Protein backbone atom coordinates (compact mmCIF):
# COMPACT_ATOMS: atom_id res chain seq x y z
CA MET A 1 94.14 51.65 -120.57
CA ARG A 2 90.63 52.72 -120.70
CA LYS A 3 89.48 49.04 -121.01
CA ARG A 4 91.47 47.99 -117.91
CA LYS A 5 90.04 50.86 -115.96
CA LYS A 6 86.62 49.86 -117.05
CA SER A 7 87.34 46.30 -116.12
CA GLU A 8 88.74 47.43 -112.78
CA ASP A 9 85.73 49.61 -112.17
CA SER A 10 83.48 46.70 -113.04
CA GLY A 11 85.29 44.46 -110.58
CA PHE A 12 85.26 47.12 -107.90
CA ASN A 13 81.57 47.59 -108.38
CA VAL A 14 81.03 43.88 -107.99
CA TRP A 15 82.95 43.87 -104.74
CA ARG A 16 81.22 46.96 -103.68
CA SER A 17 77.87 45.43 -104.43
CA TYR A 18 78.89 42.29 -102.59
CA SER A 19 80.14 44.37 -99.73
CA ASP A 20 76.92 46.29 -99.64
CA MET A 21 74.99 43.06 -99.82
CA MET A 22 77.01 41.59 -97.00
CA ALA A 23 76.61 44.74 -95.03
CA GLY A 24 72.90 44.53 -95.68
CA VAL A 25 72.88 40.88 -94.68
CA LEU A 26 74.90 41.73 -91.60
CA LEU A 27 72.58 44.57 -90.82
CA LEU A 28 69.65 42.22 -91.36
CA PHE A 29 71.33 39.71 -89.13
CA VAL A 30 71.94 42.37 -86.54
CA LEU A 31 68.35 43.46 -86.82
CA ILE A 32 67.19 39.87 -86.54
CA MET A 33 69.44 39.40 -83.54
CA CYS A 34 68.18 42.59 -82.01
CA VAL A 35 64.62 41.59 -82.65
CA THR A 36 65.38 38.13 -81.35
CA LEU A 37 67.12 39.52 -78.28
CA PHE A 38 64.27 41.97 -77.79
CA GLN A 39 61.79 39.15 -78.12
CA ALA A 40 63.88 37.01 -75.80
CA GLN A 41 64.20 39.84 -73.30
CA LYS A 42 60.50 40.49 -73.59
CA SER A 43 59.75 36.79 -73.13
CA TYR A 44 62.17 36.66 -70.23
CA ASP A 45 60.60 39.70 -68.64
CA GLU A 46 57.18 38.23 -69.19
CA SER A 47 58.37 34.92 -67.77
CA ILE A 48 59.85 36.73 -64.76
CA LYS A 49 56.65 38.70 -64.34
CA GLU A 50 54.57 35.55 -64.76
CA ARG A 51 56.82 33.78 -62.31
CA ASP A 52 56.51 36.65 -59.85
CA GLU A 53 52.76 36.68 -60.31
CA LYS A 54 52.68 32.92 -59.80
CA LEU A 55 54.91 33.23 -56.77
CA GLU A 56 52.72 36.01 -55.42
CA LEU A 57 49.60 33.99 -56.19
CA GLN A 58 51.24 30.95 -54.60
CA ALA A 59 52.09 33.03 -51.58
CA GLU A 60 48.49 34.21 -51.40
CA TYR A 61 47.29 30.61 -51.78
CA THR A 62 49.79 29.50 -49.15
CA ALA A 63 48.66 32.26 -46.78
CA GLU A 64 45.04 31.38 -47.45
CA ILE A 65 45.74 27.69 -46.92
CA LEU A 66 47.62 28.50 -43.71
CA ALA A 67 44.74 30.67 -42.58
CA GLN A 68 42.30 27.89 -43.39
CA GLN A 69 44.58 25.40 -41.64
CA ASN A 70 44.73 27.67 -38.59
CA ALA A 71 40.95 28.01 -38.71
CA LEU A 72 40.64 24.23 -38.97
CA ASP A 73 43.10 23.76 -36.12
CA GLU A 74 41.13 26.25 -34.04
CA LYS A 75 37.87 24.51 -34.90
CA GLU A 76 39.47 21.16 -34.18
CA GLY A 77 40.60 22.51 -30.82
CA GLN A 78 37.10 23.79 -30.15
CA ILE A 79 35.65 20.44 -31.20
CA LYS A 80 38.15 18.65 -28.98
CA THR A 81 37.23 20.93 -26.08
CA GLN A 82 33.55 20.34 -26.77
CA ASP A 83 34.20 16.61 -26.98
CA GLU A 84 35.94 16.76 -23.61
CA LYS A 85 33.05 18.77 -22.19
CA LEU A 86 30.58 16.32 -23.72
CA ALA A 87 32.57 13.41 -22.29
CA ALA A 88 32.59 15.07 -18.85
CA LEU A 89 28.86 15.79 -19.19
CA ALA A 90 28.23 12.20 -20.28
CA GLN A 91 30.19 10.98 -17.25
CA GLN A 92 28.20 13.31 -15.01
CA LEU A 93 24.94 12.14 -16.57
CA ALA A 94 26.03 8.52 -16.12
CA GLU A 95 26.81 9.16 -12.44
CA GLN A 96 23.48 10.93 -11.98
CA ALA A 97 21.72 8.07 -13.76
CA ALA A 98 23.44 5.62 -11.42
CA LYS A 99 22.40 7.71 -8.41
CA LEU A 100 18.85 7.93 -9.74
CA LYS A 101 18.84 4.17 -10.20
CA GLU A 102 20.03 3.71 -6.63
CA GLN A 103 17.40 6.18 -5.41
CA GLU A 104 14.76 4.34 -7.44
CA ALA A 105 15.85 1.10 -5.81
CA VAL A 106 15.70 2.73 -2.36
CA LEU A 107 12.32 4.28 -3.12
CA SER A 108 11.08 0.98 -4.47
CA GLN A 109 12.24 -0.76 -1.29
CA GLN A 110 10.69 1.96 0.85
CA GLN A 111 7.46 1.70 -1.16
CA THR A 112 7.48 -2.07 -0.67
CA GLU A 113 8.06 -1.63 3.05
CA LEU A 114 5.37 1.06 3.15
CA ASP A 115 2.93 -1.21 1.31
CA GLU A 116 3.74 -4.04 3.71
CA LYS A 117 3.35 -1.73 6.70
CA THR A 118 0.12 -0.34 5.27
CA THR A 119 -1.21 -3.85 4.75
CA LEU A 120 -0.11 -4.81 8.27
CA LEU A 121 -1.65 -1.68 9.75
CA SER A 122 -4.83 -2.27 7.79
CA THR A 123 -5.02 -5.85 9.02
CA GLN A 124 -4.26 -4.83 12.59
CA GLN A 125 -6.69 -1.94 12.35
CA GLN A 126 -9.37 -4.38 11.24
CA LYS A 127 -8.52 -6.62 14.18
CA ILE A 128 -8.56 -3.63 16.50
CA ASP A 129 -11.93 -2.56 15.16
CA ASN A 130 -13.16 -6.09 15.80
CA ILE A 131 -11.63 -6.10 19.29
CA ILE A 132 -13.01 -2.69 20.13
CA GLY A 133 -16.36 -3.81 18.81
CA VAL A 134 -16.21 -7.04 20.84
CA LYS A 135 -15.04 -5.22 23.97
CA ALA A 136 -17.81 -2.65 23.66
CA GLU A 137 -20.29 -5.46 23.06
CA VAL A 138 -19.07 -7.35 26.15
CA VAL A 139 -19.31 -4.23 28.33
CA GLU A 140 -22.80 -3.53 27.05
CA SER A 141 -23.82 -7.16 27.63
CA LEU A 142 -22.53 -6.97 31.22
CA LYS A 143 -24.47 -3.78 31.89
CA GLN A 144 -27.61 -5.20 30.35
CA GLU A 145 -27.37 -8.48 32.25
CA PHE A 146 -26.92 -6.70 35.58
CA LYS A 147 -29.84 -4.45 34.72
CA ASN A 148 -32.01 -7.47 33.83
CA ASN A 149 -31.20 -8.97 37.25
CA ASN A 150 -31.84 -5.68 39.08
CA VAL A 151 -28.28 -5.58 40.38
CA ASN A 152 -26.80 -2.12 40.81
CA VAL A 153 -23.05 -2.21 40.18
CA ASP A 154 -20.29 0.19 39.15
CA ILE A 155 -18.91 -0.99 35.77
CA ASP A 156 -16.32 1.05 33.88
CA SER A 157 -17.79 1.86 30.47
CA GLN A 158 -14.39 1.68 28.75
CA THR A 159 -12.69 -1.31 30.37
CA GLY A 160 -15.66 -3.26 31.74
CA ALA A 161 -14.01 -3.38 35.17
CA LEU A 162 -16.34 -4.20 38.08
CA ILE A 163 -15.33 -2.19 41.16
CA LEU A 164 -16.15 -3.73 44.58
CA ASP A 165 -15.88 -1.72 47.78
CA ALA A 166 -13.38 -3.45 50.09
CA ASN A 167 -14.97 -1.69 53.08
CA VAL A 168 -18.11 -3.73 52.43
CA MET A 169 -16.40 -7.07 51.78
CA PHE A 170 -13.72 -6.93 54.49
CA ASP A 171 -13.28 -5.55 57.95
CA TYR A 172 -10.54 -2.95 58.32
CA ASP A 173 -7.07 -4.44 57.91
CA GLU A 174 -8.56 -7.92 57.33
CA ALA A 175 -8.60 -10.26 54.33
CA GLU A 176 -11.47 -12.56 55.31
CA LEU A 177 -14.77 -11.97 53.54
CA THR A 178 -17.66 -10.72 55.65
CA GLU A 179 -21.14 -12.14 55.24
CA GLU A 180 -22.13 -8.90 53.54
CA GLY A 181 -19.13 -9.27 51.25
CA GLU A 182 -20.04 -12.85 50.35
CA GLN A 183 -23.60 -11.77 49.54
CA ALA A 184 -22.29 -8.96 47.33
CA LEU A 185 -19.99 -11.35 45.47
CA ARG A 186 -22.74 -13.96 45.08
CA SER A 187 -24.93 -11.35 43.41
CA VAL A 188 -22.33 -10.07 40.92
CA LEU A 189 -19.67 -12.73 40.17
CA PRO A 190 -22.02 -15.33 38.58
CA ILE A 191 -23.47 -12.71 36.20
CA TYR A 192 -20.05 -11.31 35.34
CA CYS A 193 -18.47 -14.71 34.64
CA LYS A 194 -21.46 -16.15 32.76
CA VAL A 195 -21.39 -13.25 30.29
CA LEU A 196 -17.62 -13.53 29.74
CA LEU A 197 -17.75 -17.30 29.26
CA GLN A 198 -20.39 -17.17 26.53
CA GLU A 199 -19.33 -19.09 23.44
CA ASN A 200 -19.33 -15.98 21.23
CA TYR A 201 -16.91 -14.16 23.58
CA LYS A 202 -14.55 -16.95 24.65
CA PRO A 203 -12.50 -16.89 21.39
CA TYR A 204 -11.50 -13.32 22.26
CA LEU A 205 -11.08 -13.75 26.04
CA ALA A 206 -7.55 -13.86 27.46
CA GLU A 207 -8.02 -13.36 31.21
CA ILE A 208 -10.54 -12.77 33.95
CA ILE A 209 -8.59 -10.69 36.45
CA ILE A 210 -9.14 -10.01 40.14
CA ASP A 211 -7.04 -7.09 41.41
CA GLY A 212 -6.75 -6.03 45.05
CA TYR A 213 -5.84 -2.48 46.19
CA THR A 214 -5.35 -0.79 49.57
CA ASP A 215 -5.25 2.85 50.64
CA THR A 216 -1.99 4.75 51.01
CA ASP A 217 -1.66 4.31 54.78
CA GLY A 218 1.04 2.04 56.17
CA ASP A 219 3.89 0.06 54.71
CA TYR A 220 3.97 -0.84 51.00
CA ALA A 221 5.05 -4.46 51.56
CA TYR A 222 2.36 -5.01 54.22
CA ASN A 223 -0.28 -3.48 51.97
CA LEU A 224 0.95 -5.62 49.07
CA GLU A 225 0.41 -8.79 51.09
CA LEU A 226 -2.98 -7.52 52.29
CA SER A 227 -4.15 -6.67 48.77
CA GLN A 228 -3.01 -10.08 47.52
CA ARG A 229 -4.81 -11.92 50.29
CA ARG A 230 -8.01 -9.97 49.63
CA SER A 231 -7.94 -10.66 45.89
CA LEU A 232 -7.22 -14.33 46.64
CA ALA A 233 -10.17 -14.44 49.03
CA VAL A 234 -12.47 -13.15 46.28
CA ALA A 235 -11.03 -15.64 43.80
CA GLN A 236 -11.41 -18.53 46.23
CA TYR A 237 -15.02 -17.61 46.91
CA LEU A 238 -15.66 -17.50 43.16
CA LEU A 239 -14.17 -21.00 42.79
CA ASP A 240 -16.25 -22.23 45.72
CA ILE A 241 -19.56 -21.12 44.17
CA GLN A 242 -18.74 -21.66 40.49
CA TRP A 243 -20.58 -24.99 40.44
CA GLU A 244 -23.81 -23.21 41.18
CA PHE A 245 -23.88 -21.28 37.90
CA LEU A 246 -21.24 -22.81 35.60
CA SER A 247 -21.17 -26.09 33.74
CA ASP A 248 -18.20 -28.44 34.16
CA LYS A 249 -16.64 -27.15 30.92
CA GLU A 250 -17.21 -23.53 31.92
CA SER A 251 -15.60 -24.23 35.31
CA LEU A 252 -12.50 -25.62 33.62
CA ASP A 253 -12.44 -22.59 31.31
CA LEU A 254 -12.70 -20.26 34.32
CA GLN A 255 -9.64 -21.86 35.92
CA ASP A 256 -7.71 -21.29 32.69
CA TYR A 257 -8.72 -17.64 32.49
CA LEU A 258 -8.63 -16.60 36.16
CA THR A 259 -5.70 -14.40 37.30
CA VAL A 260 -5.24 -12.86 40.75
CA ASN A 261 -3.07 -9.84 41.59
CA GLY A 262 -2.29 -7.59 44.55
CA HIS A 263 -1.22 -3.99 43.90
CA SER A 264 -0.72 -2.64 47.43
CA MET A 265 -1.30 1.14 47.50
CA ALA A 266 -0.77 1.64 43.74
CA ASN A 267 -3.29 3.57 41.62
CA PRO A 268 -5.15 5.29 44.47
CA ILE A 269 -8.53 6.89 43.80
CA LEU A 270 -8.50 10.70 43.99
CA ASP A 271 -11.39 12.94 45.00
CA ALA A 272 -12.55 16.06 43.17
CA ASN A 273 -9.82 18.11 44.86
CA GLY A 274 -7.04 15.74 43.79
CA ASN A 275 -6.58 14.22 47.23
CA VAL A 276 -6.46 10.47 47.90
CA ASP A 277 -9.91 9.05 48.70
CA LYS A 278 -8.85 6.32 51.11
CA ASP A 279 -12.25 4.63 51.31
CA ALA A 280 -12.55 4.44 47.51
CA SER A 281 -8.92 3.33 47.17
CA ARG A 282 -9.60 0.24 49.33
CA ARG A 283 -11.19 -1.85 46.62
CA VAL A 284 -11.21 -5.06 44.60
CA GLU A 285 -11.62 -4.86 40.84
CA VAL A 286 -12.88 -7.70 38.67
CA LYS A 287 -12.10 -7.13 35.00
CA PHE A 288 -11.27 -8.94 31.79
CA ARG A 289 -8.64 -8.71 29.09
CA LEU A 290 -9.09 -9.74 25.48
CA LYS A 291 -6.40 -11.73 23.69
CA ASP A 292 -5.41 -8.97 21.35
CA ASP A 293 -5.15 -6.09 23.80
CA GLU A 294 -1.36 -6.35 23.43
CA MET A 295 -1.77 -6.00 19.70
CA ILE A 296 -3.58 -2.71 20.22
CA GLU A 297 -0.65 -1.46 22.28
CA GLU A 298 1.82 -2.74 19.67
CA LEU A 299 -0.09 -1.05 16.86
CA SER A 300 -0.18 2.18 18.83
CA LYS A 301 3.60 1.90 19.20
CA ILE A 302 4.06 1.19 15.48
CA MET A 303 1.84 4.09 14.54
CA ALA A 304 3.72 6.38 16.93
CA GLU A 305 7.06 5.29 15.42
CA SER A 306 5.64 5.77 11.92
CA ASP A 307 4.43 9.27 12.81
CA ALA A 308 7.84 10.08 14.31
CA ALA A 309 9.60 8.81 11.15
CA ASP A 310 7.26 10.85 8.92
CA THR A 311 7.93 13.93 11.06
CA ALA A 312 11.70 13.35 10.79
CA ASP A 313 11.46 12.95 7.00
CA THR A 314 9.43 16.14 6.75
CA GLU A 315 11.91 18.09 8.87
CA GLY A 316 14.82 16.57 6.91
């Protein structure tokens, strides 16, 4: 009995030891599982935390990228606006350059025209100086020649006109030369014509003019006819005596140059008080015109127009 009990106790102890061992193994397993679960939970929590951190960091990166993108978009907009402004400015500059080019062309044309006008004016001025010099020389030669011949005459210092008193040459209201008139003409016309027909003056000479004038009494038409007949009488007398002091060639030249006019009561002579001097107004004038007298008038007109244009430009 005692041996069976011992044997039973021994078997029970074995099972008990096995049970304890299994319990220990189970406990170890449980512990391992707990540790494993703890580690897994910890890893999971860390993963979640890491994920959240990454998500947060990603969100920050995304926000930063969006901010940078917005900044870039804003800068791009600014650049686009500046490009548009630059394009508009470039267009404006191109238009201004085109206008400047047109203005340069206009100024160049105006400068060319001005240079041409200046050259023309200079040339004409030189001719005028020559003409004025020749005219002054002719007038001085006439005065000197009359002085050398002891003939006292009234010669205009500017025009060279020789003024003859009609009261001496004609009876009142007549157109036929008196003997005294013929003597007066014979003393002055040869000297006057010889000087004008000198070879050094003929290239400049355009006309030798005989002008007749009356006083202001009477009818204009009647006085016109009377003044014409008187100037013709003087011209005819000059042609009658030209052979006495002119060569054949000079006589032909005189016929080419001679012009006769009647002016009726035009251009009367006034006295010191501004009243018509009828005796002085009844006269015959012998004068000359140089070829380029018209050019002097034309140049004066051009210069007046130029001055008017300059004044208009200044006021503009």
